[in-house]
PDB file of N, CA and C in Angstrom:
ATOM      1  N   MET A   1     133.391 162.543 135.082  1.00  0.00           N
ATOM      2  CA  MET A   1     134.593 161.733 135.151  1.00  0.00           C
ATOM      3  C   MET A   1     135.321 161.963 136.474  1.00  0.00           C
ATOM      4  N   ASN A   2     135.290 163.200 136.983  1.00  0.00           N
ATOM      5  CA  ASN A   2     135.935 163.511 138.260  1.00  0.00           C
ATOM      6  C   ASN A   2     135.344 162.673 139.385  1.00  0.00           C
ATOM      7  N   GLU A   3     134.026 162.497 139.352  1.00  0.00           N
ATOM      8  CA  GLU A   3     133.348 161.695 140.369  1.00  0.00           C
ATOM      9  C   GLU A   3     133.843 160.249 140.331  1.00  0.00           C
ATOM     10  N   LEU A   4     134.053 159.740 139.132  1.00  0.00           N
ATOM     11  CA  LEU A   4     134.547 158.377 138.960  1.00  0.00           C
ATOM     12  C   LEU A   4     135.958 158.235 139.530  1.00  0.00           C
ATOM     13  N   LEU A   5     136.816 159.187 139.233  1.00  0.00           N
ATOM     14  CA  LEU A   5     138.198 159.143 139.724  1.00  0.00           C
ATOM     15  C   LEU A   5     138.284 159.233 141.240  1.00  0.00           C
ATOM     16  N   ASN A   6     137.289 159.852 141.860  1.00  0.00           N
ATOM     17  CA  ASN A   6     137.296 160.004 143.313  1.00  0.00           C
ATOM     18  C   ASN A   6     136.531 158.898 144.041  1.00  0.00           C
ATOM     19  N   SER A   7     136.037 157.906 143.296  1.00  0.00           N
ATOM     20  CA  SER A   7     135.346 156.786 143.945  1.00  0.00           C
ATOM     21  C   SER A   7     136.377 155.794 144.501  1.00  0.00           C
ATOM     22  N   ASN A   8     135.959 154.964 145.463  1.00  0.00           N
ATOM     23  CA  ASN A   8     136.849 153.948 146.042  1.00  0.00           C
ATOM     24  C   ASN A   8     137.225 152.921 144.981  1.00  0.00           C
ATOM     25  N   ALA A   9     138.352 152.240 145.193  1.00  0.00           N
ATOM     26  CA  ALA A   9     138.783 151.215 144.248  1.00  0.00           C
ATOM     27  C   ALA A   9     139.577 150.127 144.958  1.00  0.00           C
ATOM     28  N   THR A  10     139.544 148.935 144.370  1.00  0.00           N
ATOM     29  CA  THR A  10     140.247 147.789 144.943  1.00  0.00           C
ATOM     30  C   THR A  10     141.142 147.140 143.898  1.00  0.00           C
ATOM     31  N   ILE A  11     142.388 146.909 144.292  1.00  0.00           N
ATOM     32  CA  ILE A  11     143.341 146.154 143.475  1.00  0.00           C
ATOM     33  C   ILE A  11     143.495 144.779 144.124  1.00  0.00           C
ATOM     34  N   ILE A  12     143.529 143.760 143.294  1.00  0.00           N
ATOM     35  CA  ILE A  12     143.775 142.401 143.768  1.00  0.00           C
ATOM     36  C   ILE A  12     145.219 142.061 143.428  1.00  0.00           C
ATOM     37  N   CYS A  13     145.937 141.558 144.399  1.00  0.00           N
ATOM     38  CA  CYS A  13     147.348 141.236 144.206  1.00  0.00           C
ATOM     39  C   CYS A  13     147.576 139.750 144.465  1.00  0.00           C
ATOM     40  N   ASN A  14     148.036 139.056 143.450  1.00  0.00           N
ATOM     41  CA  ASN A  14     148.350 137.625 143.551  1.00  0.00           C
ATOM     42  C   ASN A  14     149.855 137.428 143.506  1.00  0.00           C
ATOM     43  N   ASN A  15     150.271 136.217 143.791  1.00  0.00           N
ATOM     44  CA  ASN A  15     151.672 135.836 143.667  1.00  0.00           C
ATOM     45  C   ASN A  15     152.557 136.549 144.684  1.00  0.00           C
ATOM     46  N   ILE A  16     152.074 136.679 145.894  1.00  0.00           N
ATOM     47  CA  ILE A  16     152.860 137.389 146.910  1.00  0.00           C
ATOM     48  C   ILE A  16     153.874 136.449 147.553  1.00  0.00           C
ATOM     49  N   PRO A  17     155.046 136.976 147.854  1.00  0.00           N
ATOM     50  CA  PRO A  17     156.062 136.137 148.494  1.00  0.00           C
ATOM     51  C   PRO A  17     155.675 135.805 149.929  1.00  0.00           C
ATOM     52  N   ILE A  18     156.094 134.669 150.384  1.00  0.00           N
ATOM     53  CA  ILE A  18     155.764 134.197 151.729  1.00  0.00           C
ATOM     54  C   ILE A  18     156.395 135.077 152.806  1.00  0.00           C
ATOM     55  N   HIS A  19     157.555 135.637 152.537  1.00  0.00           N
ATOM     56  CA  HIS A  19     158.289 136.388 153.560  1.00  0.00           C
ATOM     57  C   HIS A  19     157.826 137.833 153.738  1.00  0.00           C
ATOM     58  N   ILE A  20     156.958 138.323 152.891  1.00  0.00           N
ATOM     59  CA  ILE A  20     156.540 139.724 152.985  1.00  0.00           C
ATOM     60  C   ILE A  20     155.469 139.873 154.072  1.00  0.00           C
ATOM     61  N   ASN A  21     155.489 141.014 154.761  1.00  0.00           N
ATOM     62  CA  ASN A  21     154.499 141.230 155.823  1.00  0.00           C
ATOM     63  C   ASN A  21     153.595 142.417 155.489  1.00  0.00           C
ATOM     64  N   ARG A  22     152.562 142.598 156.299  1.00  0.00           N
ATOM     65  CA  ARG A  22     151.571 143.664 156.073  1.00  0.00           C
ATOM     66  C   ARG A  22     152.233 145.042 156.015  1.00  0.00           C
ATOM     67  N   PHE A  23     153.208 145.293 156.889  1.00  0.00           N
ATOM     68  CA  PHE A  23     153.881 146.590 156.916  1.00  0.00           C
ATOM     69  C   PHE A  23     154.561 146.872 155.579  1.00  0.00           C
ATOM     70  N   GLU A  24     155.291 145.898 155.046  1.00  0.00           N
ATOM     71  CA  GLU A  24     155.986 146.084 153.768  1.00  0.00           C
ATOM     72  C   GLU A  24     154.996 146.313 152.629  1.00  0.00           C
ATOM     73  N   ILE A  25     153.919 145.558 152.635  1.00  0.00           N
ATOM     74  CA  ILE A  25     152.902 145.711 151.592  1.00  0.00           C
ATOM     75  C   ILE A  25     152.264 147.096 151.678  1.00  0.00           C
ATOM     76  N   THR A  26     151.928 147.509 152.886  1.00  0.00           N
ATOM     77  CA  THR A  26     151.332 148.834 153.082  1.00  0.00           C
ATOM     78  C   THR A  26     152.291 149.921 152.619  1.00  0.00           C
ATOM     79  N   GLU A  27     153.561 149.766 152.923  1.00  0.00           N
ATOM     80  CA  GLU A  27     154.575 150.742 152.519  1.00  0.00           C
ATOM     81  C   GLU A  27     154.651 150.858 150.994  1.00  0.00           C
ATOM     82  N   ILE A  28     154.600 149.737 150.309  1.00  0.00           N
ATOM     83  CA  ILE A  28     154.666 149.729 148.842  1.00  0.00           C
ATOM     84  C   ILE A  28     153.448 150.426 148.239  1.00  0.00           C
ATOM     85  N   PHE A  29     152.258 150.061 148.681  1.00  0.00           N
ATOM     86  CA  PHE A  29     151.038 150.541 148.038  1.00  0.00           C
ATOM     87  C   PHE A  29     150.591 151.923 148.513  1.00  0.00           C
ATOM     88  N   SER A  30     150.926 152.314 149.723  1.00  0.00           N
ATOM     89  CA  SER A  30     150.485 153.625 150.225  1.00  0.00           C
ATOM     90  C   SER A  30     151.266 154.778 149.604  1.00  0.00           C
ATOM     91  N   LYS A  31     152.339 154.490 148.897  1.00  0.00           N
ATOM     92  CA  LYS A  31     153.096 155.542 148.195  1.00  0.00           C
ATOM     93  C   LYS A  31     152.247 156.234 147.136  1.00  0.00           C
ATOM     94  N   TYR A  32     151.208 155.551 146.677  1.00  0.00           N
ATOM     95  CA  TYR A  32     150.413 156.058 145.560  1.00  0.00           C
ATOM     96  C   TYR A  32     149.146 156.782 145.982  1.00  0.00           C
ATOM     97  N   GLY A  33     148.819 156.740 147.256  1.00  0.00           N
ATOM     98  CA  GLY A  33     147.641 157.451 147.739  1.00  0.00           C
ATOM     99  C   GLY A  33     147.096 156.814 149.001  1.00  0.00           C
ATOM    100  N   PRO A  34     146.118 157.495 149.627  1.00  0.00           N
ATOM    101  CA  PRO A  34     145.561 156.991 150.888  1.00  0.00           C
ATOM    102  C   PRO A  34     144.779 155.687 150.694  1.00  0.00           C
ATOM    103  N   LEU A  35     144.980 154.785 151.650  1.00  0.00           N
ATOM    104  CA  LEU A  35     144.272 153.511 151.634  1.00  0.00           C
ATOM    105  C   LEU A  35     143.002 153.628 152.462  1.00  0.00           C
ATOM    106  N   LEU A  36     142.011 152.854 152.107  1.00  0.00           N
ATOM    107  CA  LEU A  36     140.715 152.882 152.778  1.00  0.00           C
ATOM    108  C   LEU A  36     140.728 151.918 153.965  1.00  0.00           C
ATOM    109  N   GLY A  37     140.365 152.395 155.136  1.00  0.00           N
ATOM    110  CA  GLY A  37     140.348 151.538 156.327  1.00  0.00           C
ATOM    111  C   GLY A  37     141.731 151.003 156.625  1.00  0.00           C
ATOM    112  N   GLN A  38     141.831 149.693 156.830  1.00  0.00           N
ATOM    113  CA  GLN A  38     143.133 149.062 157.047  1.00  0.00           C
ATOM    114  C   GLN A  38     143.945 149.062 155.768  1.00  0.00           C
ATOM    115  N   GLY A  39     143.284 149.154 154.642  1.00  0.00           N
ATOM    116  CA  GLY A  39     143.961 149.230 153.355  1.00  0.00           C
ATOM    117  C   GLY A  39     144.313 147.895 152.745  1.00  0.00           C
ATOM    118  N   ILE A  40     144.910 147.008 153.531  1.00  0.00           N
ATOM    119  CA  ILE A  40     145.360 145.717 153.029  1.00  0.00           C
ATOM    120  C   ILE A  40     144.515 144.619 153.674  1.00  0.00           C
ATOM    121  N   TYR A  41     143.911 143.799 152.838  1.00  0.00           N
ATOM    122  CA  TYR A  41     143.066 142.710 153.326  1.00  0.00           C
ATOM    123  C   TYR A  41     143.524 141.409 152.680  1.00  0.00           C
ATOM    124  N   PHE A  42     143.934 140.460 153.493  1.00  0.00           N
ATOM    125  CA  PHE A  42     144.422 139.187 152.974  1.00  0.00           C
ATOM    126  C   PHE A  42     143.268 138.239 152.689  1.00  0.00           C
ATOM    127  N   GLY A  43     143.493 137.355 151.711  1.00  0.00           N
ATOM    128  CA  GLY A  43     142.516 136.323 151.404  1.00  0.00           C
ATOM    129  C   GLY A  43     142.504 135.284 152.508  1.00  0.00           C
ATOM    130  N   LYS A  44     141.864 134.186 152.257  1.00  0.00           N
ATOM    131  CA  LYS A  44     141.763 133.112 153.250  1.00  0.00           C
ATOM    132  C   LYS A  44     143.151 132.639 153.677  1.00  0.00           C
ATOM    133  N   LYS A  45     143.210 132.031 154.844  1.00  0.00           N
ATOM    134  CA  LYS A  45     144.471 131.526 155.393  1.00  0.00           C
ATOM    135  C   LYS A  45     145.193 130.654 154.362  1.00  0.00           C
ATOM    136  N   ASN A  46     146.490 130.853 154.265  1.00  0.00           N
ATOM    137  CA  ASN A  46     147.365 130.123 153.339  1.00  0.00           C
ATOM    138  C   ASN A  46     147.088 130.435 151.867  1.00  0.00           C
ATOM    139  N   SER A  47     146.357 131.500 151.603  1.00  0.00           N
ATOM    140  CA  SER A  47     146.152 131.893 150.207  1.00  0.00           C
ATOM    141  C   SER A  47     147.286 132.826 149.806  1.00  0.00           C
ATOM    142  N   ASN A  48     147.455 132.986 148.543  1.00  0.00           N
ATOM    143  CA  ASN A  48     148.573 133.758 148.018  1.00  0.00           C
ATOM    144  C   ASN A  48     148.088 135.060 147.383  1.00  0.00           C
ATOM    145  N   PHE A  49     147.117 135.721 148.007  1.00  0.00           N
ATOM    146  CA  PHE A  49     146.641 136.987 147.462  1.00  0.00           C
ATOM    147  C   PHE A  49     146.149 137.902 148.578  1.00  0.00           C
ATOM    148  N   PHE A  50     146.040 139.186 148.216  1.00  0.00           N
ATOM    149  CA  PHE A  50     145.455 140.167 149.129  1.00  0.00           C
ATOM    150  C   PHE A  50     144.776 141.244 148.305  1.00  0.00           C
ATOM    151  N   PHE A  51     143.971 142.045 148.975  1.00  0.00           N
ATOM    152  CA  PHE A  51     143.277 143.165 148.345  1.00  0.00           C
ATOM    153  C   PHE A  51     143.857 144.455 148.894  1.00  0.00           C
ATOM    154  N   VAL A  52     143.995 145.446 148.025  1.00  0.00           N
ATOM    155  CA  VAL A  52     144.414 146.781 148.449  1.00  0.00           C
ATOM    156  C   VAL A  52     143.255 147.710 148.139  1.00  0.00           C
ATOM    157  N   LYS A  53     142.728 148.360 149.160  1.00  0.00           N
ATOM    158  CA  LYS A  53     141.580 149.255 148.975  1.00  0.00           C
ATOM    159  C   LYS A  53     142.049 150.701 149.069  1.00  0.00           C
ATOM    160  N   TYR A  54     141.810 151.447 147.998  1.00  0.00           N
ATOM    161  CA  TYR A  54     142.173 152.860 147.936  1.00  0.00           C
ATOM    162  C   TYR A  54     140.946 153.741 148.139  1.00  0.00           C
ATOM    163  N   VAL A  55     141.167 154.900 148.722  1.00  0.00           N
ATOM    164  CA  VAL A  55     140.107 155.887 148.892  1.00  0.00           C
ATOM    165  C   VAL A  55     139.654 156.385 147.522  1.00  0.00           C
ATOM    166  N   HIS A  56     140.608 156.536 146.585  1.00  0.00           N
ATOM    167  CA  HIS A  56     140.305 157.099 145.262  1.00  0.00           C
ATOM    168  C   HIS A  56     140.787 156.179 144.140  1.00  0.00           C
ATOM    169  N   LEU A  57     139.953 156.018 143.133  1.00  0.00           N
ATOM    170  CA  LEU A  57     140.314 155.238 141.953  1.00  0.00           C
ATOM    171  C   LEU A  57     141.570 155.796 141.296  1.00  0.00           C
ATOM    172  N   LYS A  58     141.713 157.115 141.254  1.00  0.00           N
ATOM    173  CA  LYS A  58     142.880 157.713 140.590  1.00  0.00           C
ATOM    174  C   LYS A  58     144.184 157.224 141.218  1.00  0.00           C
ATOM    175  N   ASP A  59     144.200 157.000 142.536  1.00  0.00           N
ATOM    176  CA  ASP A  59     145.401 156.508 143.214  1.00  0.00           C
ATOM    177  C   ASP A  59     145.614 155.021 142.942  1.00  0.00           C
ATOM    178  N   ALA A  60     144.527 154.274 142.868  1.00  0.00           N
ATOM    179  CA  ALA A  60     144.626 152.851 142.526  1.00  0.00           C
ATOM    180  C   ALA A  60     145.190 152.690 141.118  1.00  0.00           C
ATOM    181  N   ILE A  61     144.782 153.561 140.208  1.00  0.00           N
ATOM    182  CA  ILE A  61     145.301 153.521 138.839  1.00  0.00           C
ATOM    183  C   ILE A  61     146.800 153.799 138.836  1.00  0.00           C
ATOM    184  N   LYS A  62     147.234 154.801 139.607  1.00  0.00           N
ATOM    185  CA  LYS A  62     148.676 155.095 139.701  1.00  0.00           C
ATOM    186  C   LYS A  62     149.443 153.874 140.193  1.00  0.00           C
ATOM    187  N   ALA A  63     148.951 153.251 141.247  1.00  0.00           N
ATOM    188  CA  ALA A  63     149.617 152.069 141.808  1.00  0.00           C
ATOM    189  C   ALA A  63     149.651 150.939 140.778  1.00  0.00           C
ATOM    190  N   TYR A  64     148.517 150.677 140.168  1.00  0.00           N
ATOM    191  CA  TYR A  64     148.412 149.599 139.185  1.00  0.00           C
ATOM    192  C   TYR A  64     149.389 149.816 138.032  1.00  0.00           C
ATOM    193  N   GLU A  65     149.383 151.010 137.473  1.00  0.00           N
ATOM    194  CA  GLU A  65     150.228 151.278 136.312  1.00  0.00           C
ATOM    195  C   GLU A  65     151.713 151.294 136.663  1.00  0.00           C
ATOM    196  N   ASN A  66     152.050 151.683 137.877  1.00  0.00           N
ATOM    197  CA  ASN A  66     153.455 151.708 138.284  1.00  0.00           C
ATOM    198  C   ASN A  66     153.978 150.348 138.733  1.00  0.00           C
ATOM    199  N   LEU A  67     153.116 149.521 139.292  1.00  0.00           N
ATOM    200  CA  LEU A  67     153.578 148.260 139.873  1.00  0.00           C
ATOM    201  C   LEU A  67     153.299 147.025 139.025  1.00  0.00           C
ATOM    202  N   LYS A  68     152.448 147.139 138.027  1.00  0.00           N
ATOM    203  CA  LYS A  68     152.044 145.932 137.294  1.00  0.00           C
ATOM    204  C   LYS A  68     153.212 145.263 136.569  1.00  0.00           C
ATOM    205  N   ASN A  69     154.225 146.022 136.205  1.00  0.00           N
ATOM    206  CA  ASN A  69     155.369 145.443 135.502  1.00  0.00           C
ATOM    207  C   ASN A  69     156.666 145.562 136.290  1.00  0.00           C
ATOM    208  N   GLU A  70     156.570 145.980 137.539  1.00  0.00           N
ATOM    209  CA  GLU A  70     157.761 146.179 138.351  1.00  0.00           C
ATOM    210  C   GLU A  70     158.001 145.015 139.279  1.00  0.00           C
ATOM    211  N   LYS A  71     159.243 144.790 139.569  1.00  0.00           N
ATOM    212  CA  LYS A  71     159.590 143.753 140.540  1.00  0.00           C
ATOM    213  C   LYS A  71     159.719 144.428 141.895  1.00  0.00           C
ATOM    214  N   GLU A  72     158.883 144.036 142.841  1.00  0.00           N
ATOM    215  CA  GLU A  72     158.912 144.587 144.201  1.00  0.00           C
ATOM    216  C   GLU A  72     159.214 143.460 145.173  1.00  0.00           C
ATOM    217  N   CYS A  73     160.006 143.737 146.168  1.00  0.00           N
ATOM    218  CA  CYS A  73     160.294 142.759 147.232  1.00  0.00           C
ATOM    219  C   CYS A  73     160.803 141.442 146.663  1.00  0.00           C
ATOM    220  N   GLU A  74     161.624 141.512 145.651  1.00  0.00           N
ATOM    221  CA  GLU A  74     162.235 140.328 145.032  1.00  0.00           C
ATOM    222  C   GLU A  74     161.207 139.330 144.505  1.00  0.00           C
ATOM    223  N   HIS A  75     160.039 139.818 144.135  1.00  0.00           N
ATOM    224  CA  HIS A  75     158.990 138.926 143.632  1.00  0.00           C
ATOM    225  C   HIS A  75     158.029 139.718 142.756  1.00  0.00           C
ATOM    226  N   ASP A  76     157.523 139.091 141.727  1.00  0.00           N
ATOM    227  CA  ASP A  76     156.574 139.771 140.835  1.00  0.00           C
ATOM    228  C   ASP A  76     155.151 139.658 141.360  1.00  0.00           C
ATOM    229  N   PHE A  77     154.564 140.798 141.687  1.00  0.00           N
ATOM    230  CA  PHE A  77     153.143 140.820 142.026  1.00  0.00           C
ATOM    231  C   PHE A  77     152.352 140.714 140.732  1.00  0.00           C
ATOM    232  N   LYS A  78     151.256 140.021 140.762  1.00  0.00           N
ATOM    233  CA  LYS A  78     150.327 139.972 139.634  1.00  0.00           C
ATOM    234  C   LYS A  78     149.112 140.789 140.048  1.00  0.00           C
ATOM    235  N   LEU A  79     148.944 141.951 139.425  1.00  0.00           N
ATOM    236  CA  LEU A  79     147.893 142.879 139.831  1.00  0.00           C
ATOM    237  C   LEU A  79     146.713 142.862 138.872  1.00  0.00           C
ATOM    238  N   SER A  80     145.545 143.068 139.431  1.00  0.00           N
ATOM    239  CA  SER A  80     144.337 143.272 138.634  1.00  0.00           C
ATOM    240  C   SER A  80     143.378 144.112 139.469  1.00  0.00           C
ATOM    241  N   PHE A  81     142.407 144.695 138.808  1.00  0.00           N
ATOM    242  CA  PHE A  81     141.371 145.445 139.518  1.00  0.00           C
ATOM    243  C   PHE A  81     140.225 144.505 139.868  1.00  0.00           C
ATOM    244  N   SER A  82     139.447 144.897 140.869  1.00  0.00           N
ATOM    245  CA  SER A  82     138.206 144.170 141.127  1.00  0.00           C
ATOM    246  C   SER A  82     137.339 144.308 139.872  1.00  0.00           C
ATOM    247  N   LYS A  83     136.355 143.478 139.734  1.00  0.00           N
ATOM    248  CA  LYS A  83     135.525 143.457 138.524  1.00  0.00           C
ATOM    249  C   LYS A  83     134.954 144.840 138.186  1.00  0.00           C
ATOM    250  N   ASN A  84     134.317 145.493 139.146  1.00  0.00           N
ATOM    251  CA  ASN A  84     133.718 146.812 138.897  1.00  0.00           C
ATOM    252  C   ASN A  84     134.770 147.866 138.587  1.00  0.00           C
ATOM    253  N   ASP A  85     135.898 147.800 139.274  1.00  0.00           N
ATOM    254  CA  ASP A  85     136.946 148.791 139.042  1.00  0.00           C
ATOM    255  C   ASP A  85     137.657 148.567 137.714  1.00  0.00           C
ATOM    256  N   GLU A  86     137.709 147.327 137.242  1.00  0.00           N
ATOM    257  CA  GLU A  86     138.266 147.030 135.922  1.00  0.00           C
ATOM    258  C   GLU A  86     137.416 147.711 134.847  1.00  0.00           C
ATOM    259  N   ILE A  87     136.105 147.680 135.014  1.00  0.00           N
ATOM    260  CA  ILE A  87     135.191 148.335 134.073  1.00  0.00           C
ATOM    261  C   ILE A  87     135.437 149.845 134.072  1.00  0.00           C
ATOM    262  N   LYS A  88     135.558 150.433 135.261  1.00  0.00           N
ATOM    263  CA  LYS A  88     135.828 151.876 135.371  1.00  0.00           C
ATOM    264  C   LYS A  88     137.163 152.223 134.726  1.00  0.00           C
ATOM    265  N   TYR A  89     138.186 151.414 135.002  1.00  0.00           N
ATOM    266  CA  TYR A  89     139.531 151.653 134.466  1.00  0.00           C
ATOM    267  C   TYR A  89     139.510 151.629 132.939  1.00  0.00           C
ATOM    268  N   LYS A  90     138.870 150.621 132.377  1.00  0.00           N
ATOM    269  CA  LYS A  90     138.803 150.516 130.915  1.00  0.00           C
ATOM    270  C   LYS A  90     138.014 151.671 130.313  1.00  0.00           C
ATOM    271  N   ALA A  91     136.957 152.092 130.985  1.00  0.00           N
ATOM    272  CA  ALA A  91     136.167 153.232 130.500  1.00  0.00           C
ATOM    273  C   ALA A  91     137.006 154.502 130.504  1.00  0.00           C
ATOM    274  N   LEU A  92     137.762 154.709 131.571  1.00  0.00           N
ATOM    275  CA  LEU A  92     138.620 155.897 131.654  1.00  0.00           C
ATOM    276  C   LEU A  92     139.732 155.847 130.622  1.00  0.00           C
ATOM    277  N   LYS A  93     140.326 154.687 130.424  1.00  0.00           N
ATOM    278  CA  LYS A  93     141.398 154.545 129.437  1.00  0.00           C
ATOM    279  C   LYS A  93     140.857 154.778 128.034  1.00  0.00           C
ATOM    280  N   GLY A  94     139.652 154.302 127.778  1.00  0.00           N
ATOM    281  CA  GLY A  94     139.022 154.520 126.476  1.00  0.00           C
ATOM    282  C   GLY A  94     138.766 155.988 126.223  1.00  0.00           C
ATOM    283  N   ASN A  95     138.353 156.720 127.263  1.00  0.00           N
ATOM    284  CA  ASN A  95     138.102 158.157 127.140  1.00  0.00           C
ATOM    285  C   ASN A  95     139.384 158.948 126.980  1.00  0.00           C
ATOM    286  N   SER A  96     140.490 158.452 127.496  1.00  0.00           N
ATOM    287  CA  SER A  96     141.741 159.205 127.420  1.00  0.00           C
ATOM    288  C   SER A  96     142.346 159.161 126.026  1.00  0.00           C
ATOM    289  N   HIS A  97     141.887 158.219 125.186  1.00  0.00           N
ATOM    290  CA  HIS A  97     142.413 158.115 123.828  1.00  0.00           C
ATOM    291  C   HIS A  97     141.586 158.902 122.823  1.00  0.00           C
ATOM    292  N   LYS A  98     140.535 159.578 123.289  1.00  0.00           N
ATOM    293  CA  LYS A  98     139.648 160.323 122.378  1.00  0.00           C
ATOM    294  C   LYS A  98     140.062 161.757 122.285  1.00  0.00           C
TER     295      LYS A  98
END
């Protein structure tokens, strides 16, 4: 399980406000742990989403659980994990209830 928690992870963030910039986004998400590479990757031009890549799944989980219901930057982010990381997250959550 430790190996799983230390693997890379990606959060997908939708519903981002138009006025927010990369610096503000990085500031919000880097509070929960180190980001991988640039950390923040935007979707196609004029799209309303970005990806946050964490070095460790455990930090992505902290960010997800803390921000999924919080209002940041006067706008509600809609967070989800990438497909593979969603599977890991659910597996870990299932193990934590045993």
